[in-house]
C-alpha atoms as a PDB file:
ATOM      1  CA  MET A   1      -2.801  17.977  21.971  1.00  0.00           C
ATOM      2  CA  VAL A   2      -2.427  15.108  19.493  1.00  0.00           C
ATOM      3  CA  HIS A   3      -4.647  12.086  20.122  1.00  0.00           C
ATOM      4  CA  TYR A   4      -3.149   8.699  19.257  1.00  0.00           C
ATOM      5  CA  LYS A   5      -5.124   5.468  19.065  1.00  0.00           C
ATOM      6  CA  LEU A   6      -3.466   2.153  18.277  1.00  0.00           C
ATOM      7  CA  THR A   7      -5.897  -0.571  17.212  1.00  0.00           C
ATOM      8  CA  TYR A   8      -4.853  -4.207  17.196  1.00  0.00           C
ATOM      9  CA  PHE A   9      -5.751  -7.614  18.588  1.00  0.00           C
ATOM     10  CA  LEU A  10      -5.457  -8.600  22.233  1.00  0.00           C
ATOM     11  CA  SER A  11      -2.011 -10.094  21.590  1.00  0.00           C
ATOM     12  CA  ARG A  12       1.450  -8.495  21.355  1.00  0.00           C
ATOM     13  CA  GLY A  13       1.859  -9.565  17.732  1.00  0.00           C
ATOM     14  CA  LEU A  14       2.559  -6.843  15.196  1.00  0.00           C
ATOM     15  CA  ALA A  15       1.634  -3.905  17.429  1.00  0.00           C
ATOM     16  CA  ASP A  16       3.693  -4.370  20.537  1.00  0.00           C
ATOM     17  CA  VAL A  17       6.784  -2.588  19.237  1.00  0.00           C
ATOM     18  CA  SER A  18       4.606   0.473  18.654  1.00  0.00           C
ATOM     19  CA  ARG A  19       3.078   0.173  22.109  1.00  0.00           C
ATOM     20  CA  GLN A  20       6.587   0.021  23.545  1.00  0.00           C
ATOM     21  CA  LEU A  21       7.618   3.110  21.581  1.00  0.00           C
ATOM     22  CA  PHE A  22       4.738   5.063  23.135  1.00  0.00           C
ATOM     23  CA  HIS A  23       5.800   3.967  26.594  1.00  0.00           C
ATOM     24  CA  LEU A  24       9.470   4.645  25.924  1.00  0.00           C
ATOM     25  CA  ALA A  25       8.619   8.186  24.826  1.00  0.00           C
ATOM     26  CA  GLY A  26       6.206   8.716  27.714  1.00  0.00           C
ATOM     27  CA  VAL A  27       3.410   9.618  25.281  1.00  0.00           C
ATOM     28  CA  ASP A  28      -0.200   8.812  26.156  1.00  0.00           C
ATOM     29  CA  PHE A  29      -2.189   6.771  23.655  1.00  0.00           C
ATOM     30  CA  GLU A  30      -5.427   4.826  23.466  1.00  0.00           C
ATOM     31  CA  ASP A  31      -4.560   1.129  23.315  1.00  0.00           C
ATOM     32  CA  GLU A  32      -7.608  -0.341  21.547  1.00  0.00           C
ATOM     33  CA  ARG A  33      -7.464  -4.142  21.667  1.00  0.00           C
ATOM     34  CA  LEU A  34      -9.969  -6.140  19.656  1.00  0.00           C
ATOM     35  CA  ASN A  35     -11.091  -9.708  20.025  1.00  0.00           C
ATOM     36  CA  ARG A  36     -11.710 -11.738  16.861  1.00  0.00           C
ATOM     37  CA  ASP A  37     -15.428 -10.921  16.672  1.00  0.00           C
ATOM     38  CA  GLN A  38     -14.820  -7.188  17.131  1.00  0.00           C
ATOM     39  CA  PHE A  39     -12.188  -7.268  14.391  1.00  0.00           C
ATOM     40  CA  LEU A  40     -14.470  -9.106  11.958  1.00  0.00           C
ATOM     41  CA  GLU A  41     -17.254  -6.624  12.711  1.00  0.00           C
ATOM     42  CA  ARG A  42     -14.985  -3.669  11.831  1.00  0.00           C
ATOM     43  CA  LYS A  43     -12.641  -5.237   9.255  1.00  0.00           C
ATOM     44  CA  GLU A  44     -14.133  -3.410   6.257  1.00  0.00           C
ATOM     45  CA  SER A  45     -13.612  -0.040   7.951  1.00  0.00           C
ATOM     46  CA  PHE A  46      -9.833  -0.435   8.248  1.00  0.00           C
ATOM     47  CA  PRO A  47      -7.706   1.088   5.448  1.00  0.00           C
ATOM     48  CA  PHE A  48      -6.239  -2.226   4.254  1.00  0.00           C
ATOM     49  CA  LYS A  49      -8.883  -4.379   6.004  1.00  0.00           C
ATOM     50  CA  GLN A  50      -6.317  -5.425   8.587  1.00  0.00           C
ATOM     51  CA  VAL A  51      -4.758  -4.296  11.849  1.00  0.00           C
ATOM     52  CA  PRO A  52      -2.731  -2.736  13.368  1.00  0.00           C
ATOM     53  CA  VAL A  53      -3.945   0.755  12.555  1.00  0.00           C
ATOM     54  CA  LEU A  54      -2.663   3.910  14.222  1.00  0.00           C
ATOM     55  CA  THR A  55      -5.111   6.816  14.257  1.00  0.00           C
ATOM     56  CA  VAL A  56      -3.529  10.234  14.736  1.00  0.00           C
ATOM     57  CA  ASP A  57      -6.159  12.967  15.046  1.00  0.00           C
ATOM     58  CA  GLY A  58      -8.301  11.141  12.488  1.00  0.00           C
ATOM     59  CA  LEU A  59      -5.490  10.144  10.084  1.00  0.00           C
ATOM     60  CA  GLU A  60      -5.374   6.351   9.809  1.00  0.00           C
ATOM     61  CA  ILE A  61      -1.956   4.784   9.286  1.00  0.00           C
ATOM     62  CA  PRO A  62      -2.012   1.042   8.507  1.00  0.00           C
ATOM     63  CA  GLN A  63       0.842  -1.516   8.461  1.00  0.00           C
ATOM     64  CA  SER A  64       2.940  -2.373  11.496  1.00  0.00           C
ATOM     65  CA  MET A  65       6.330  -1.244  10.210  1.00  0.00           C
ATOM     66  CA  ALA A  66       4.942   2.030   8.884  1.00  0.00           C
ATOM     67  CA  ILE A  67       3.396   2.719  12.284  1.00  0.00           C
ATOM     68  CA  ALA A  68       6.654   1.967  14.044  1.00  0.00           C
ATOM     69  CA  ARG A  69       8.596   4.181  11.617  1.00  0.00           C
ATOM     70  CA  TYR A  70       6.095   6.995  12.145  1.00  0.00           C
ATOM     71  CA  LEU A  71       6.383   6.788  15.885  1.00  0.00           C
ATOM     72  CA  ALA A  72      10.163   6.735  15.593  1.00  0.00           C
ATOM     73  CA  THR A  73      10.279   9.770  13.312  1.00  0.00           C
ATOM     74  CA  LYS A  74       6.986  11.515  14.151  1.00  0.00           C
ATOM     75  CA  PHE A  75       6.546  12.442  10.526  1.00  0.00           C
ATOM     76  CA  GLU A  76       3.066  11.244   9.603  1.00  0.00           C
ATOM     77  CA  GLU A  77       3.173  11.623   5.835  1.00  0.00           C
ATOM     78  CA  SER A  78       6.383   9.623   5.629  1.00  0.00           C
ATOM     79  CA  ALA A  79       4.613   6.886   7.558  1.00  0.00           C
ATOM     80  CA  LEU A  80       1.701   6.861   5.121  1.00  0.00           C
ATOM     81  CA  VAL A  81       4.122   6.595   2.194  1.00  0.00           C
ATOM     82  CA  ASP A  82       5.849   3.724   3.978  1.00  0.00           C
ATOM     83  CA  ALA A  83       2.438   2.103   4.508  1.00  0.00           C
ATOM     84  CA  PHE A  84       1.769   2.150   0.771  1.00  0.00           C
ATOM     85  CA  VAL A  85       5.170   0.610   0.132  1.00  0.00           C
ATOM     86  CA  ASP A  86       4.534  -2.079   2.743  1.00  0.00           C
ATOM     87  CA  GLN A  87       1.122  -2.828   1.243  1.00  0.00           C
ATOM     88  CA  PHE A  88       2.768  -3.026  -2.180  1.00  0.00           C
ATOM     89  CA  LYS A  89       5.269  -5.533  -0.762  1.00  0.00           C
ATOM     90  CA  ASP A  90       2.319  -7.625   0.464  1.00  0.00           C
ATOM     91  CA  PHE A  91       0.760  -7.421  -3.013  1.00  0.00           C
ATOM     92  CA  TYR A  92       4.045  -8.350  -4.662  1.00  0.00           C
ATOM     93  CA  ALA A  93       4.432 -11.346  -2.351  1.00  0.00           C
ATOM     94  CA  GLU A  94       0.966 -12.512  -3.436  1.00  0.00           C
ATOM     95  CA  ILE A  95       1.788 -12.242  -7.156  1.00  0.00           C
ATOM     96  CA  HIS A  96       5.301 -13.663  -6.866  1.00  0.00           C
ATOM     97  CA  ASP A  97       4.465 -16.891  -8.735  1.00  0.00           C
ATOM     98  CA  TYR A  98       2.875 -14.979 -11.615  1.00  0.00           C
ATOM     99  CA  PHE A  99       5.731 -12.480 -11.806  1.00  0.00           C
ATOM    100  CA  TYR A 100       8.456 -15.100 -11.827  1.00  0.00           C
ATOM    101  CA  THR A 101       6.539 -17.258 -14.294  1.00  0.00           C
ATOM    102  CA  MET A 102       6.298 -14.329 -16.699  1.00  0.00           C
ATOM    103  CA  LEU A 103      10.014 -13.660 -16.270  1.00  0.00           C
ATOM    104  CA  GLY A 104      10.669 -17.287 -17.243  1.00  0.00           C
ATOM    105  CA  PHE A 105      12.033 -18.394 -13.881  1.00  0.00           C
ATOM    106  CA  THR A 106       9.404 -21.104 -13.344  1.00  0.00           C
ATOM    107  CA  GLN A 107       7.741 -23.774 -15.447  1.00  0.00           C
ATOM    108  CA  LEU A 108       4.263 -22.709 -14.305  1.00  0.00           C
ATOM    109  CA  ASP A 109       1.623 -21.696 -16.838  1.00  0.00           C
ATOM    110  CA  GLY A 110       1.391 -17.891 -17.115  1.00  0.00           C
ATOM    111  CA  GLU A 111      -2.308 -17.803 -17.999  1.00  0.00           C
ATOM    112  CA  GLU A 112      -3.150 -20.112 -15.104  1.00  0.00           C
ATOM    113  CA  GLN A 113      -1.081 -17.987 -12.696  1.00  0.00           C
ATOM    114  CA  LYS A 114      -2.809 -14.850 -13.951  1.00  0.00           C
ATOM    115  CA  GLU A 115      -6.229 -16.331 -13.133  1.00  0.00           C
ATOM    116  CA  LYS A 116      -5.179 -17.993  -9.889  1.00  0.00           C
ATOM    117  CA  VAL A 117      -2.744 -15.427  -8.469  1.00  0.00           C
ATOM    118  CA  LEU A 118      -2.701 -12.051 -10.206  1.00  0.00           C
ATOM    119  CA  ILE A 119      -6.400 -11.312 -10.658  1.00  0.00           C
ATOM    120  CA  PRO A 120      -7.399 -12.033  -7.020  1.00  0.00           C
ATOM    121  CA  ALA A 121      -4.445  -9.970  -5.725  1.00  0.00           C
ATOM    122  CA  ARG A 122      -5.251  -7.122  -8.116  1.00  0.00           C
ATOM    123  CA  ASN A 123      -8.893  -7.160  -7.047  1.00  0.00           C
ATOM    124  CA  LYS A 124      -7.802  -6.572  -3.447  1.00  0.00           C
ATOM    125  CA  PHE A 125      -5.011  -4.065  -4.110  1.00  0.00           C
ATOM    126  CA  LEU A 126      -6.366  -1.656  -6.723  1.00  0.00           C
ATOM    127  CA  PRO A 127      -9.587  -0.763  -4.839  1.00  0.00           C
ATOM    128  CA  LEU A 128      -7.452   0.209  -1.824  1.00  0.00           C
ATOM    129  CA  LEU A 129      -5.416   2.552  -4.015  1.00  0.00           C
ATOM    130  CA  VAL A 130      -8.583   4.017  -5.553  1.00  0.00           C
ATOM    131  CA  LYS A 131      -9.852   4.834  -2.061  1.00  0.00           C
ATOM    132  CA  PHE A 132      -6.681   6.719  -1.125  1.00  0.00           C
ATOM    133  CA  LEU A 133      -6.437   8.502  -4.476  1.00  0.00           C
ATOM    134  CA  ALA A 134      -9.999   9.753  -3.987  1.00  0.00           C
ATOM    135  CA  LYS A 135      -9.026  11.260  -0.616  1.00  0.00           C
ATOM    136  CA  SER A 136      -5.779  12.837  -1.809  1.00  0.00           C
ATOM    137  CA  LYS A 137      -5.737  16.513  -2.757  1.00  0.00           C
ATOM    138  CA  SER A 138      -2.690  16.103  -5.030  1.00  0.00           C
ATOM    139  CA  GLY A 139      -3.780  13.434  -7.511  1.00  0.00           C
ATOM    140  CA  PHE A 140      -1.101  11.159  -6.082  1.00  0.00           C
ATOM    141  CA  LEU A 141      -1.233   8.796  -3.096  1.00  0.00           C
ATOM    142  CA  VAL A 142      -0.546  11.484  -0.482  1.00  0.00           C
ATOM    143  CA  ASP A 143      -1.536  15.135  -0.267  1.00  0.00           C
ATOM    144  CA  SER A 144       2.007  16.490  -0.607  1.00  0.00           C
ATOM    145  CA  GLY A 145       2.385  15.144  -4.145  1.00  0.00           C
ATOM    146  CA  ILE A 146       4.346  12.456  -5.906  1.00  0.00           C
ATOM    147  CA  THR A 147       6.455  10.160  -3.707  1.00  0.00           C
ATOM    148  CA  PHE A 148       8.462   6.993  -4.058  1.00  0.00           C
ATOM    149  CA  ALA A 149       5.288   5.039  -3.225  1.00  0.00           C
ATOM    150  CA  ASP A 150       3.697   6.332  -6.443  1.00  0.00           C
ATOM    151  CA  LEU A 151       6.842   5.458  -8.381  1.00  0.00           C
ATOM    152  CA  ILE A 152       7.301   1.913  -7.091  1.00  0.00           C
ATOM    153  CA  ILE A 153       3.652   0.959  -7.573  1.00  0.00           C
ATOM    154  CA  ILE A 154       3.366   2.525 -11.036  1.00  0.00           C
ATOM    155  CA  ASP A 155       6.634   0.944 -12.160  1.00  0.00           C
ATOM    156  CA  ASP A 156       5.370  -2.498 -11.173  1.00  0.00           C
ATOM    157  CA  MET A 157       2.008  -1.753 -12.778  1.00  0.00           C
ATOM    158  CA  THR A 158       3.770  -0.862 -16.031  1.00  0.00           C
ATOM    159  CA  THR A 159       5.383  -4.303 -16.063  1.00  0.00           C
ATOM    160  CA  LEU A 160       2.043  -5.980 -15.368  1.00  0.00           C
ATOM    161  CA  ILE A 161       0.363  -3.957 -18.129  1.00  0.00           C
ATOM    162  CA  ASN A 162       3.158  -4.966 -20.502  1.00  0.00           C
ATOM    163  CA  TRP A 163       2.308  -8.603 -19.793  1.00  0.00           C
ATOM    164  CA  TRP A 164      -1.465  -8.161 -19.610  1.00  0.00           C
ATOM    165  CA  PRO A 165      -2.741  -4.899 -21.166  1.00  0.00           C
ATOM    166  CA  GLN A 166      -6.132  -5.248 -19.421  1.00  0.00           C
ATOM    167  CA  TYR A 167      -4.542  -5.291 -15.953  1.00  0.00           C
ATOM    168  CA  ALA A 168      -6.132  -1.996 -14.816  1.00  0.00           C
ATOM    169  CA  GLU A 169      -9.239  -2.244 -16.998  1.00  0.00           C
ATOM    170  CA  GLY A 170     -12.273  -1.169 -14.999  1.00  0.00           C
ATOM    171  CA  TYR A 171     -10.160   1.111 -12.793  1.00  0.00           C
ATOM    172  CA  PRO A 172     -10.179   4.504 -14.573  1.00  0.00           C
ATOM    173  CA  GLU A 173      -8.821   6.252 -11.462  1.00  0.00           C
ATOM    174  CA  ILE A 174      -5.779   3.970 -11.505  1.00  0.00           C
ATOM    175  CA  LEU A 175      -5.164   4.555 -15.208  1.00  0.00           C
ATOM    176  CA  ALA A 176      -5.473   8.341 -14.741  1.00  0.00           C
ATOM    177  CA  TRP A 177      -3.059   8.211 -11.789  1.00  0.00           C
ATOM    178  CA  ARG A 178      -0.613   6.183 -13.886  1.00  0.00           C
ATOM    179  CA  GLU A 179      -0.773   8.854 -16.597  1.00  0.00           C
ATOM    180  CA  ARG A 180      -0.093  11.601 -14.022  1.00  0.00           C
ATOM    181  CA  VAL A 181       2.983   9.760 -12.782  1.00  0.00           C
ATOM    182  CA  MET A 182       4.262   8.890 -16.258  1.00  0.00           C
ATOM    183  CA  ASN A 183       3.789  12.517 -17.393  1.00  0.00           C
ATOM    184  CA  TYR A 184       5.147  14.191 -14.264  1.00  0.00           C
ATOM    185  CA  PRO A 185       7.428  16.982 -15.571  1.00  0.00           C
ATOM    186  CA  LYS A 186      10.593  15.766 -13.845  1.00  0.00           C
ATOM    187  CA  LEU A 187      10.007  12.164 -15.022  1.00  0.00           C
ATOM    188  CA  LYS A 188       8.413  12.447 -18.453  1.00  0.00           C
ATOM    189  CA  GLU A 189      11.600  12.935 -20.475  1.00  0.00           C
ATOM    190  CA  TYR A 190      13.416  10.123 -18.693  1.00  0.00           C
ATOM    191  CA  ILE A 191      10.486   7.718 -19.119  1.00  0.00           C
ATOM    192  CA  GLU A 192      10.255   8.540 -22.811  1.00  0.00           C
ATOM    193  CA  LYS A 193      14.001   8.052 -23.356  1.00  0.00           C
ATOM    194  CA  ARG A 194      14.748   5.101 -21.100  1.00  0.00           C
ATOM    195  CA  PRO A 195      15.445   1.736 -22.736  1.00  0.00           C
ATOM    196  CA  VAL A 196      12.225  -0.130 -23.511  1.00  0.00           C
ATOM    197  CA  THR A 197      12.005  -3.329 -21.484  1.00  0.00           C
ATOM    198  CA  VAL A 198       9.138  -5.603 -20.467  1.00  0.00           C
ATOM    199  CA  ALA A 199      10.047  -5.630 -16.784  1.00  0.00           C
END
């Protein structure tokens, strides 16, 4: 029998929809509710250093919407892919000012935004990806192979590398993963022939 554990704060917040889905389906689950001190004590152990986290027989699925989608579809790998996409959206929201400055939509200084916005966001995001790549048996983010999560993150990374070639410097696992995606047999020809653009 599958064991589910949903970990979140004492509040309804971002986890209550998932709790309701368990109840609606009549499926037993462990409802682990943390106070602030308990969360801070365990923060580093969570996949994205945040809650909620759904644990399904040892597989940790972070991000509230990914958890809800998983529970709605009961397809765990899809939920993990969705979690990567959600985490990417969080990363993108953090670098928004840098991105739009580099596209010429703001009057902000690109170098200043790189130091203030991009580098701190990168230093949070890339180590998370490294951790998951190390666990994956496929060389991509999830065990089954390349997914749209790999594509969306690598596409954005390509833009960032176009603007700042040292973006992934110091992260050899990320650069190797990028090469695997860019050279994936069904993508390689398209990538080589597509119009060259910065973003």
